Amino acid sequence: MFRAAPNALIAAVGLAGAHRDDKVERIRTTVAEFKRFRDRLDSETMRRAGLLGGARALRLLSQFDKPTRARALLFAAGQVVLPVDDDVSRVVTRLIGESNVRNRGVTKRWLAPQLDRDLNAHRDAIIYLRHHAHHTCTAVGPHCPVCPLRPGCAFAGASSTTRPGGAAP
């Protein structure tokens, strides 16, 4: 990313459509910030700094929101954290039948005991849940008939009259 040609960068995010220029600018901003604070954001340095030190260092990247910083800690720094964003929260709250799909606290309380403190289990779960949220359990028009989690899902099992917004499976 440091040496990416401008045209290559634009082509890489070309599918963002009308938001392409904004995405390119955000990437450039993050790369510039990473260059400026490279010594504090090195993955080995963040591992040695521990969870709190790594979280403090990642606040230097203005484009990173809290879930993005948590994913960086999980995947780059090897810290056992549970990065719950709106996508992960939507999948879990639908699975357990929670009506507020943005309730990240419920999501963390339900997921954490099932994953123990296993780093690889946390990584695998977040990758799967984010992929599932983007391709199957979408915010609008979820694909419940083909969902592999359907047998244990409260959302798919509920009738359209009992669901928030009356959405059909």
N, C-alpha and C. Protein backbone atom coordinates (compact mmCIF):
# COMPACT_ATOMS: atom_id res chain seq x y z
N MET A 1 0.82 -1.19 0.00
CA MET A 1 0.00 0.00 0.00
C MET A 1 0.86 1.25 0.00
N PHE A 2 2.08 1.18 0.59
CA PHE A 2 2.91 2.38 0.65
C PHE A 2 3.32 2.85 -0.73
N ARG A 3 3.57 1.88 -1.62
CA ARG A 3 4.08 2.24 -2.93
C ARG A 3 3.07 1.99 -4.04
N ALA A 4 1.82 1.85 -3.71
CA ALA A 4 0.80 1.57 -4.72
C ALA A 4 0.66 2.76 -5.66
N ALA A 5 0.65 2.45 -6.96
CA ALA A 5 0.45 3.50 -7.95
C ALA A 5 -0.98 4.02 -7.82
N PRO A 6 -1.18 5.32 -8.04
CA PRO A 6 -2.54 5.89 -7.90
C PRO A 6 -3.59 5.15 -8.73
N ASN A 7 -3.25 4.79 -9.96
CA ASN A 7 -4.21 4.09 -10.81
C ASN A 7 -4.52 2.69 -10.29
N ALA A 8 -3.51 2.03 -9.75
CA ALA A 8 -3.72 0.69 -9.18
C ALA A 8 -4.63 0.77 -7.96
N LEU A 9 -4.44 1.78 -7.14
CA LEU A 9 -5.28 1.97 -5.96
C LEU A 9 -6.73 2.24 -6.35
N ILE A 10 -6.92 3.10 -7.34
CA ILE A 10 -8.28 3.41 -7.82
C ILE A 10 -8.93 2.16 -8.41
N ALA A 11 -8.17 1.36 -9.16
CA ALA A 11 -8.72 0.13 -9.73
C ALA A 11 -9.09 -0.87 -8.64
N ALA A 12 -8.29 -0.92 -7.57
CA ALA A 12 -8.55 -1.86 -6.49
C ALA A 12 -9.84 -1.57 -5.74
N VAL A 13 -10.20 -0.30 -5.63
CA VAL A 13 -11.43 0.06 -4.93
C VAL A 13 -12.51 0.54 -5.90
N GLY A 14 -12.32 0.24 -7.17
CA GLY A 14 -13.25 0.69 -8.20
C GLY A 14 -14.68 0.22 -8.01
N LEU A 15 -14.86 -0.92 -7.37
CA LEU A 15 -16.21 -1.45 -7.18
C LEU A 15 -16.99 -0.69 -6.11
N ALA A 16 -16.35 0.25 -5.44
CA ALA A 16 -17.05 1.04 -4.41
C ALA A 16 -18.01 2.05 -5.03
N GLY A 17 -17.99 2.15 -6.36
CA GLY A 17 -18.93 3.01 -7.07
C GLY A 17 -18.76 4.47 -6.72
N ALA A 18 -19.86 5.11 -6.36
CA ALA A 18 -19.85 6.54 -6.08
C ALA A 18 -18.98 6.88 -4.88
N HIS A 19 -18.68 5.93 -4.06
CA HIS A 19 -17.87 6.17 -2.86
C HIS A 19 -16.39 5.90 -3.09
N ARG A 20 -16.02 5.64 -4.33
CA ARG A 20 -14.64 5.28 -4.65
C ARG A 20 -13.63 6.33 -4.18
N ASP A 21 -13.87 7.58 -4.51
CA ASP A 21 -12.92 8.63 -4.15
C ASP A 21 -12.77 8.77 -2.64
N ASP A 22 -13.87 8.63 -1.91
CA ASP A 22 -13.82 8.69 -0.45
C ASP A 22 -12.99 7.53 0.10
N LYS A 23 -13.20 6.32 -0.44
CA LYS A 23 -12.43 5.15 0.02
C LYS A 23 -10.94 5.33 -0.26
N VAL A 24 -10.61 5.83 -1.45
CA VAL A 24 -9.21 6.05 -1.80
C VAL A 24 -8.58 7.04 -0.83
N GLU A 25 -9.29 8.11 -0.52
CA GLU A 25 -8.77 9.13 0.40
C GLU A 25 -8.58 8.55 1.80
N ARG A 26 -9.52 7.71 2.25
CA ARG A 26 -9.39 7.10 3.57
C ARG A 26 -8.19 6.16 3.63
N ILE A 27 -7.97 5.41 2.55
CA ILE A 27 -6.81 4.51 2.50
C ILE A 27 -5.53 5.32 2.55
N ARG A 28 -5.47 6.39 1.76
CA ARG A 28 -4.26 7.23 1.75
C ARG A 28 -4.02 7.85 3.14
N THR A 29 -5.07 8.28 3.79
CA THR A 29 -4.93 8.86 5.13
C THR A 29 -4.39 7.83 6.11
N THR A 30 -4.95 6.62 6.07
CA THR A 30 -4.50 5.55 6.97
C THR A 30 -3.05 5.18 6.70
N VAL A 31 -2.68 5.08 5.43
CA VAL A 31 -1.29 4.75 5.09
C VAL A 31 -0.35 5.84 5.59
N ALA A 32 -0.72 7.10 5.40
CA ALA A 32 0.12 8.21 5.87
C ALA A 32 0.27 8.16 7.39
N GLU A 33 -0.83 7.88 8.10
CA GLU A 33 -0.77 7.79 9.56
C GLU A 33 0.08 6.59 9.99
N PHE A 34 -0.07 5.49 9.28
CA PHE A 34 0.72 4.30 9.62
C PHE A 34 2.21 4.58 9.41
N LYS A 35 2.55 5.27 8.33
CA LYS A 35 3.96 5.63 8.09
C LYS A 35 4.49 6.51 9.23
N ARG A 36 3.66 7.47 9.64
CA ARG A 36 4.07 8.42 10.67
C ARG A 36 4.31 7.71 12.01
N PHE A 37 3.48 6.72 12.33
CA PHE A 37 3.55 6.04 13.63
C PHE A 37 4.01 4.59 13.50
N ARG A 38 4.77 4.29 12.46
CA ARG A 38 5.17 2.92 12.15
C ARG A 38 5.82 2.20 13.33
N ASP A 39 6.67 2.90 14.06
CA ASP A 39 7.37 2.25 15.17
C ASP A 39 6.42 1.79 16.27
N ARG A 40 5.31 2.50 16.48
CA ARG A 40 4.34 2.11 17.52
C ARG A 40 3.31 1.12 17.01
N LEU A 41 3.14 1.02 15.69
CA LEU A 41 2.10 0.16 15.13
C LEU A 41 2.62 -1.15 14.58
N ASP A 42 3.89 -1.43 14.74
CA ASP A 42 4.46 -2.69 14.31
C ASP A 42 3.80 -3.83 15.10
N SER A 43 3.46 -4.92 14.43
CA SER A 43 2.72 -5.99 15.11
C SER A 43 3.49 -6.58 16.28
N GLU A 44 4.81 -6.70 16.15
CA GLU A 44 5.61 -7.25 17.25
C GLU A 44 5.62 -6.29 18.44
N THR A 45 5.70 -5.00 18.16
CA THR A 45 5.67 -3.99 19.23
C THR A 45 4.32 -4.03 19.94
N MET A 46 3.24 -4.19 19.16
CA MET A 46 1.90 -4.24 19.77
C MET A 46 1.73 -5.51 20.58
N ARG A 47 2.32 -6.62 20.17
CA ARG A 47 2.25 -7.86 20.96
C ARG A 47 2.92 -7.66 22.31
N ARG A 48 4.09 -7.04 22.28
CA ARG A 48 4.82 -6.81 23.53
C ARG A 48 4.11 -5.79 24.42
N ALA A 49 3.41 -4.84 23.81
CA ALA A 49 2.72 -3.80 24.58
C ALA A 49 1.49 -4.34 25.30
N GLY A 50 1.00 -5.48 24.87
CA GLY A 50 -0.19 -6.05 25.49
C GLY A 50 -1.46 -5.43 24.93
N LEU A 51 -2.55 -5.83 25.49
CA LEU A 51 -3.86 -5.41 24.98
C LEU A 51 -4.07 -3.91 25.09
N LEU A 52 -3.85 -3.34 26.27
CA LEU A 52 -4.09 -1.91 26.45
C LEU A 52 -3.12 -1.05 25.66
N GLY A 53 -1.86 -1.44 25.63
CA GLY A 53 -0.86 -0.69 24.87
C GLY A 53 -1.15 -0.75 23.38
N GLY A 54 -1.54 -1.91 22.89
CA GLY A 54 -1.90 -2.05 21.47
C GLY A 54 -3.13 -1.24 21.11
N ALA A 55 -4.12 -1.24 22.00
CA ALA A 55 -5.33 -0.47 21.75
C ALA A 55 -5.03 1.02 21.71
N ARG A 56 -4.15 1.48 22.62
CA ARG A 56 -3.76 2.90 22.62
C ARG A 56 -3.03 3.26 21.33
N ALA A 57 -2.15 2.39 20.89
CA ALA A 57 -1.39 2.66 19.66
C ALA A 57 -2.32 2.74 18.45
N LEU A 58 -3.31 1.88 18.38
CA LEU A 58 -4.22 1.87 17.23
C LEU A 58 -5.13 3.08 17.19
N ARG A 59 -5.30 3.78 18.31
CA ARG A 59 -6.09 5.01 18.30
C ARG A 59 -5.43 6.09 17.46
N LEU A 60 -4.16 5.92 17.15
CA LEU A 60 -3.45 6.88 16.30
C LEU A 60 -3.97 6.87 14.87
N LEU A 61 -4.62 5.78 14.47
CA LEU A 61 -5.17 5.67 13.12
C LEU A 61 -6.60 6.19 13.13
N SER A 62 -6.80 7.39 12.64
CA SER A 62 -8.09 8.07 12.74
C SER A 62 -9.21 7.37 11.97
N GLN A 63 -8.87 6.60 10.96
CA GLN A 63 -9.88 5.95 10.13
C GLN A 63 -10.39 4.64 10.77
N PHE A 64 -9.76 4.20 11.86
CA PHE A 64 -10.14 2.95 12.50
C PHE A 64 -11.16 3.20 13.60
N ASP A 65 -12.35 2.62 13.46
CA ASP A 65 -13.32 2.70 14.54
C ASP A 65 -13.00 1.59 15.55
N LYS A 66 -13.76 1.51 16.61
CA LYS A 66 -13.46 0.56 17.69
C LYS A 66 -13.45 -0.90 17.21
N PRO A 67 -14.45 -1.37 16.43
CA PRO A 67 -14.38 -2.75 15.96
C PRO A 67 -13.18 -3.02 15.04
N THR A 68 -12.81 -2.05 14.23
CA THR A 68 -11.66 -2.22 13.34
C THR A 68 -10.37 -2.32 14.14
N ARG A 69 -10.25 -1.50 15.18
CA ARG A 69 -9.07 -1.59 16.05
C ARG A 69 -9.04 -2.95 16.74
N ALA A 70 -10.19 -3.43 17.17
CA ALA A 70 -10.24 -4.75 17.83
C ALA A 70 -9.85 -5.86 16.86
N ARG A 71 -10.28 -5.76 15.59
CA ARG A 71 -9.87 -6.77 14.59
C ARG A 71 -8.36 -6.72 14.37
N ALA A 72 -7.78 -5.52 14.35
CA ALA A 72 -6.33 -5.39 14.20
C ALA A 72 -5.61 -6.04 15.38
N LEU A 73 -6.13 -5.85 16.57
CA LEU A 73 -5.53 -6.49 17.75
C LEU A 73 -5.64 -8.01 17.66
N LEU A 74 -6.77 -8.50 17.21
CA LEU A 74 -7.00 -9.95 17.11
C LEU A 74 -6.10 -10.58 16.05
N PHE A 75 -6.10 -10.01 14.85
CA PHE A 75 -5.41 -10.65 13.73
C PHE A 75 -3.95 -10.26 13.60
N ALA A 76 -3.59 -9.00 13.87
CA ALA A 76 -2.21 -8.57 13.68
C ALA A 76 -1.38 -8.70 14.95
N ALA A 77 -1.97 -8.40 16.09
CA ALA A 77 -1.21 -8.40 17.34
C ALA A 77 -1.40 -9.67 18.16
N GLY A 78 -2.27 -10.56 17.72
CA GLY A 78 -2.44 -11.82 18.43
C GLY A 78 -3.06 -11.69 19.81
N GLN A 79 -3.87 -10.66 20.02
CA GLN A 79 -4.54 -10.47 21.31
C GLN A 79 -5.92 -11.11 21.25
N VAL A 80 -6.32 -11.77 22.32
CA VAL A 80 -7.63 -12.42 22.37
C VAL A 80 -8.67 -11.36 22.74
N VAL A 81 -9.28 -10.79 21.71
CA VAL A 81 -10.36 -9.81 21.88
C VAL A 81 -11.51 -10.25 20.99
N LEU A 82 -12.68 -9.71 21.25
CA LEU A 82 -13.86 -10.07 20.48
C LEU A 82 -14.36 -8.83 19.73
N PRO A 83 -13.93 -8.65 18.48
CA PRO A 83 -14.33 -7.46 17.72
C PRO A 83 -15.75 -7.60 17.18
N VAL A 84 -16.70 -7.01 17.87
CA VAL A 84 -18.10 -7.11 17.46
C VAL A 84 -18.52 -5.81 16.79
N ASP A 85 -18.84 -5.90 15.51
CA ASP A 85 -19.36 -4.75 14.78
C ASP A 85 -20.83 -5.02 14.48
N ASP A 86 -21.45 -4.15 13.70
CA ASP A 86 -22.88 -4.32 13.40
C ASP A 86 -23.17 -5.63 12.68
N ASP A 87 -22.27 -6.06 11.80
CA ASP A 87 -22.50 -7.29 11.04
C ASP A 87 -22.49 -8.52 11.95
N VAL A 88 -21.47 -8.64 12.77
CA VAL A 88 -21.38 -9.78 13.70
C VAL A 88 -22.55 -9.74 14.67
N SER A 89 -22.86 -8.57 15.16
CA SER A 89 -23.97 -8.42 16.10
C SER A 89 -25.29 -8.85 15.46
N ARG A 90 -25.51 -8.49 14.21
CA ARG A 90 -26.75 -8.87 13.51
C ARG A 90 -26.89 -10.39 13.44
N VAL A 91 -25.83 -11.09 13.07
CA VAL A 91 -25.90 -12.55 12.96
C VAL A 91 -26.20 -13.18 14.31
N VAL A 92 -25.46 -12.80 15.33
CA VAL A 92 -25.61 -13.42 16.65
C VAL A 92 -26.97 -13.10 17.26
N THR A 93 -27.39 -11.83 17.18
CA THR A 93 -28.68 -11.49 17.80
C THR A 93 -29.83 -12.17 17.07
N ARG A 94 -29.71 -12.39 15.77
CA ARG A 94 -30.75 -13.15 15.06
C ARG A 94 -30.73 -14.61 15.49
N LEU A 95 -29.53 -15.16 15.66
CA LEU A 95 -29.43 -16.56 16.10
C LEU A 95 -30.10 -16.79 17.44
N ILE A 96 -29.87 -15.88 18.38
CA ILE A 96 -30.37 -16.10 19.74
C ILE A 96 -31.74 -15.49 19.98
N GLY A 97 -32.26 -14.76 18.99
CA GLY A 97 -33.61 -14.21 19.12
C GLY A 97 -33.69 -12.87 19.83
N GLU A 98 -32.60 -12.16 19.93
CA GLU A 98 -32.58 -10.81 20.52
C GLU A 98 -33.19 -9.85 19.51
N SER A 99 -34.09 -8.99 19.96
CA SER A 99 -34.79 -8.09 19.03
C SER A 99 -33.92 -6.92 18.58
N ASN A 100 -32.98 -6.47 19.39
CA ASN A 100 -32.12 -5.34 19.02
C ASN A 100 -30.86 -5.87 18.35
N VAL A 101 -30.82 -5.79 17.00
CA VAL A 101 -29.70 -6.38 16.25
C VAL A 101 -28.38 -5.63 16.44
N ARG A 102 -28.41 -4.47 17.05
CA ARG A 102 -27.17 -3.73 17.29
C ARG A 102 -26.70 -3.83 18.73
N ASN A 103 -27.23 -4.79 19.47
CA ASN A 103 -26.87 -4.95 20.87
C ASN A 103 -25.55 -5.73 20.97
N ARG A 104 -24.46 -4.99 20.93
CA ARG A 104 -23.14 -5.62 20.94
C ARG A 104 -22.82 -6.29 22.28
N GLY A 105 -23.38 -5.77 23.36
CA GLY A 105 -23.13 -6.37 24.67
C GLY A 105 -23.70 -7.78 24.75
N VAL A 106 -24.91 -7.96 24.27
CA VAL A 106 -25.53 -9.29 24.25
C VAL A 106 -24.70 -10.23 23.38
N THR A 107 -24.24 -9.72 22.26
CA THR A 107 -23.43 -10.53 21.34
C THR A 107 -22.16 -11.00 22.03
N LYS A 108 -21.46 -10.10 22.69
CA LYS A 108 -20.22 -10.47 23.38
C LYS A 108 -20.48 -11.45 24.52
N ARG A 109 -21.55 -11.22 25.28
CA ARG A 109 -21.86 -12.12 26.41
C ARG A 109 -22.23 -13.51 25.92
N TRP A 110 -22.82 -13.63 24.74
CA TRP A 110 -23.20 -14.93 24.21
C TRP A 110 -22.00 -15.64 23.58
N LEU A 111 -21.16 -14.89 22.85
CA LEU A 111 -20.03 -15.50 22.14
C LEU A 111 -18.86 -15.87 23.05
N ALA A 112 -18.50 -14.99 23.96
CA ALA A 112 -17.28 -15.16 24.75
C ALA A 112 -17.17 -16.51 25.46
N PRO A 113 -18.20 -16.98 26.16
CA PRO A 113 -18.05 -18.26 26.85
C PRO A 113 -17.90 -19.44 25.89
N GLN A 114 -18.41 -19.31 24.68
CA GLN A 114 -18.32 -20.41 23.73
C GLN A 114 -16.94 -20.51 23.10
N LEU A 115 -16.18 -19.41 23.13
CA LEU A 115 -14.87 -19.40 22.50
C LEU A 115 -13.73 -19.53 23.49
N ASP A 116 -14.03 -19.52 24.77
CA ASP A 116 -13.01 -19.53 25.83
C ASP A 116 -12.00 -18.42 25.57
N ARG A 117 -10.74 -18.71 25.75
CA ARG A 117 -9.67 -17.71 25.50
C ARG A 117 -8.77 -18.18 24.36
N ASP A 118 -9.32 -18.98 23.46
CA ASP A 118 -8.56 -19.55 22.35
C ASP A 118 -8.45 -18.54 21.20
N LEU A 119 -7.24 -18.10 20.90
CA LEU A 119 -7.01 -17.10 19.86
C LEU A 119 -7.53 -17.55 18.50
N ASN A 120 -7.22 -18.78 18.12
CA ASN A 120 -7.67 -19.27 16.81
C ASN A 120 -9.18 -19.42 16.73
N ALA A 121 -9.82 -19.79 17.83
CA ALA A 121 -11.28 -19.88 17.84
C ALA A 121 -11.89 -18.50 17.64
N HIS A 122 -11.32 -17.48 18.28
CA HIS A 122 -11.81 -16.11 18.10
C HIS A 122 -11.64 -15.67 16.65
N ARG A 123 -10.47 -15.93 16.08
CA ARG A 123 -10.21 -15.55 14.69
C ARG A 123 -11.18 -16.24 13.74
N ASP A 124 -11.32 -17.55 13.90
CA ASP A 124 -12.22 -18.31 13.01
C ASP A 124 -13.66 -17.83 13.14
N ALA A 125 -14.10 -17.60 14.36
CA ALA A 125 -15.49 -17.17 14.59
C ALA A 125 -15.76 -15.82 13.94
N ILE A 126 -14.85 -14.87 14.09
CA ILE A 126 -15.06 -13.54 13.51
C ILE A 126 -15.03 -13.60 11.99
N ILE A 127 -14.10 -14.37 11.43
CA ILE A 127 -14.07 -14.51 9.96
C ILE A 127 -15.38 -15.11 9.47
N TYR A 128 -15.83 -16.19 10.12
CA TYR A 128 -17.06 -16.84 9.67
C TYR A 128 -18.27 -15.92 9.83
N LEU A 129 -18.42 -15.30 11.00
CA LEU A 129 -19.60 -14.48 11.25
C LEU A 129 -19.66 -13.26 10.32
N ARG A 130 -18.51 -12.64 10.05
CA ARG A 130 -18.51 -11.50 9.12
C ARG A 130 -18.84 -11.95 7.70
N HIS A 131 -18.28 -13.07 7.28
CA HIS A 131 -18.60 -13.60 5.95
C HIS A 131 -20.08 -13.96 5.86
N HIS A 132 -20.58 -14.61 6.88
CA HIS A 132 -21.99 -15.00 6.92
C HIS A 132 -22.90 -13.76 6.87
N ALA A 133 -22.52 -12.71 7.59
CA ALA A 133 -23.31 -11.48 7.62
C ALA A 133 -23.33 -10.80 6.24
N HIS A 134 -22.23 -10.86 5.53
CA HIS A 134 -22.15 -10.18 4.23
C HIS A 134 -22.82 -10.95 3.12
N HIS A 135 -22.88 -12.29 3.23
CA HIS A 135 -23.37 -13.09 2.11
C HIS A 135 -24.68 -13.83 2.36
N THR A 136 -25.00 -14.13 3.59
CA THR A 136 -26.22 -14.89 3.87
C THR A 136 -27.17 -14.13 4.78
N CYS A 137 -26.71 -13.72 5.92
CA CYS A 137 -27.55 -13.05 6.91
C CYS A 137 -27.48 -11.53 6.70
N THR A 138 -27.86 -11.10 5.53
CA THR A 138 -27.76 -9.69 5.16
C THR A 138 -28.79 -8.86 5.93
N ALA A 139 -28.51 -7.57 6.04
CA ALA A 139 -29.39 -6.67 6.78
C ALA A 139 -30.78 -6.62 6.14
N VAL A 140 -30.81 -6.54 4.83
CA VAL A 140 -32.08 -6.49 4.10
C VAL A 140 -32.17 -7.76 3.24
N GLY A 141 -33.24 -8.47 3.38
CA GLY A 141 -33.46 -9.68 2.59
C GLY A 141 -32.50 -10.81 2.92
N PRO A 142 -32.43 -11.26 4.17
CA PRO A 142 -31.54 -12.37 4.50
C PRO A 142 -31.94 -13.64 3.74
N HIS A 143 -30.95 -14.45 3.44
CA HIS A 143 -31.16 -15.66 2.64
C HIS A 143 -31.36 -16.88 3.55
N CYS A 144 -32.39 -16.83 4.37
CA CYS A 144 -32.64 -17.89 5.36
C CYS A 144 -32.83 -19.28 4.74
N PRO A 145 -33.49 -19.42 3.58
CA PRO A 145 -33.67 -20.77 3.04
C PRO A 145 -32.37 -21.53 2.77
N VAL A 146 -31.28 -20.84 2.50
CA VAL A 146 -30.01 -21.52 2.21
C VAL A 146 -29.01 -21.41 3.36
N CYS A 147 -29.44 -20.88 4.48
CA CYS A 147 -28.54 -20.64 5.61
C CYS A 147 -28.18 -21.95 6.31
N PRO A 148 -26.86 -22.20 6.50
CA PRO A 148 -26.46 -23.42 7.21
C PRO A 148 -26.77 -23.35 8.71
N LEU A 149 -27.03 -22.16 9.24
CA LEU A 149 -27.35 -22.01 10.66
C LEU A 149 -28.84 -22.05 10.94
N ARG A 150 -29.66 -22.20 9.91
CA ARG A 150 -31.11 -22.12 10.04
C ARG A 150 -31.70 -23.04 11.11
N PRO A 151 -31.25 -24.29 11.23
CA PRO A 151 -31.87 -25.17 12.24
C PRO A 151 -31.81 -24.62 13.67
N GLY A 152 -30.77 -23.88 14.01
CA GLY A 152 -30.67 -23.35 15.36
C GLY A 152 -30.93 -21.86 15.47
N CYS A 153 -31.49 -21.27 14.42
CA CYS A 153 -31.66 -19.82 14.38
C CYS A 153 -33.07 -19.40 14.77
N ALA A 154 -33.16 -18.55 15.77
CA ALA A 154 -34.46 -18.05 16.23
C ALA A 154 -35.11 -17.17 15.18
N PHE A 155 -34.32 -16.40 14.43
CA PHE A 155 -34.85 -15.49 13.41
C PHE A 155 -35.50 -16.27 12.28
N ALA A 156 -34.82 -17.31 11.80
CA ALA A 156 -35.35 -18.11 10.69
C ALA A 156 -36.57 -18.91 11.14
N GLY A 157 -36.62 -19.27 12.42
CA GLY A 157 -37.72 -20.07 12.93
C GLY A 157 -38.95 -19.25 13.25
N ALA A 158 -38.78 -17.94 13.42
CA ALA A 158 -39.92 -17.07 13.77
C ALA A 158 -40.79 -16.82 12.56
N SER A 159 -42.07 -16.63 12.80
CA SER A 159 -42.95 -16.28 11.68
C SER A 159 -42.76 -14.81 11.36
N SER A 160 -43.11 -14.39 10.17
CA SER A 160 -42.90 -13.00 9.74
C SER A 160 -43.71 -12.01 10.57
N THR A 161 -44.77 -12.49 11.22
CA THR A 161 -45.57 -11.57 12.04
C THR A 161 -44.90 -11.27 13.38
N THR A 162 -44.02 -12.16 13.85
CA THR A 162 -43.38 -11.93 15.14
C THR A 162 -42.02 -11.28 15.01
N ARG A 163 -41.53 -11.14 13.78
CA ARG A 163 -40.22 -10.52 13.56
C ARG A 163 -40.30 -9.01 13.55
N PRO A 164 -39.24 -8.37 13.99
CA PRO A 164 -39.20 -6.91 13.88
C PRO A 164 -39.26 -6.51 12.42
N GLY A 165 -40.16 -5.62 12.08
CA GLY A 165 -40.30 -5.14 10.71
C GLY A 165 -41.08 -6.10 9.82
N GLY A 166 -41.48 -7.25 10.36
CA GLY A 166 -42.27 -8.21 9.58
C GLY A 166 -41.49 -8.85 8.44
N ALA A 167 -40.16 -8.90 8.54
CA ALA A 167 -39.34 -9.46 7.46
C ALA A 167 -39.59 -10.96 7.34
N ALA A 168 -39.61 -11.42 6.13
CA ALA A 168 -39.84 -12.84 5.88
C ALA A 168 -38.51 -13.57 5.78
N PRO A 169 -38.47 -14.87 6.17
CA PRO A 169 -37.22 -15.62 6.04
C PRO A 169 -36.91 -15.93 4.59
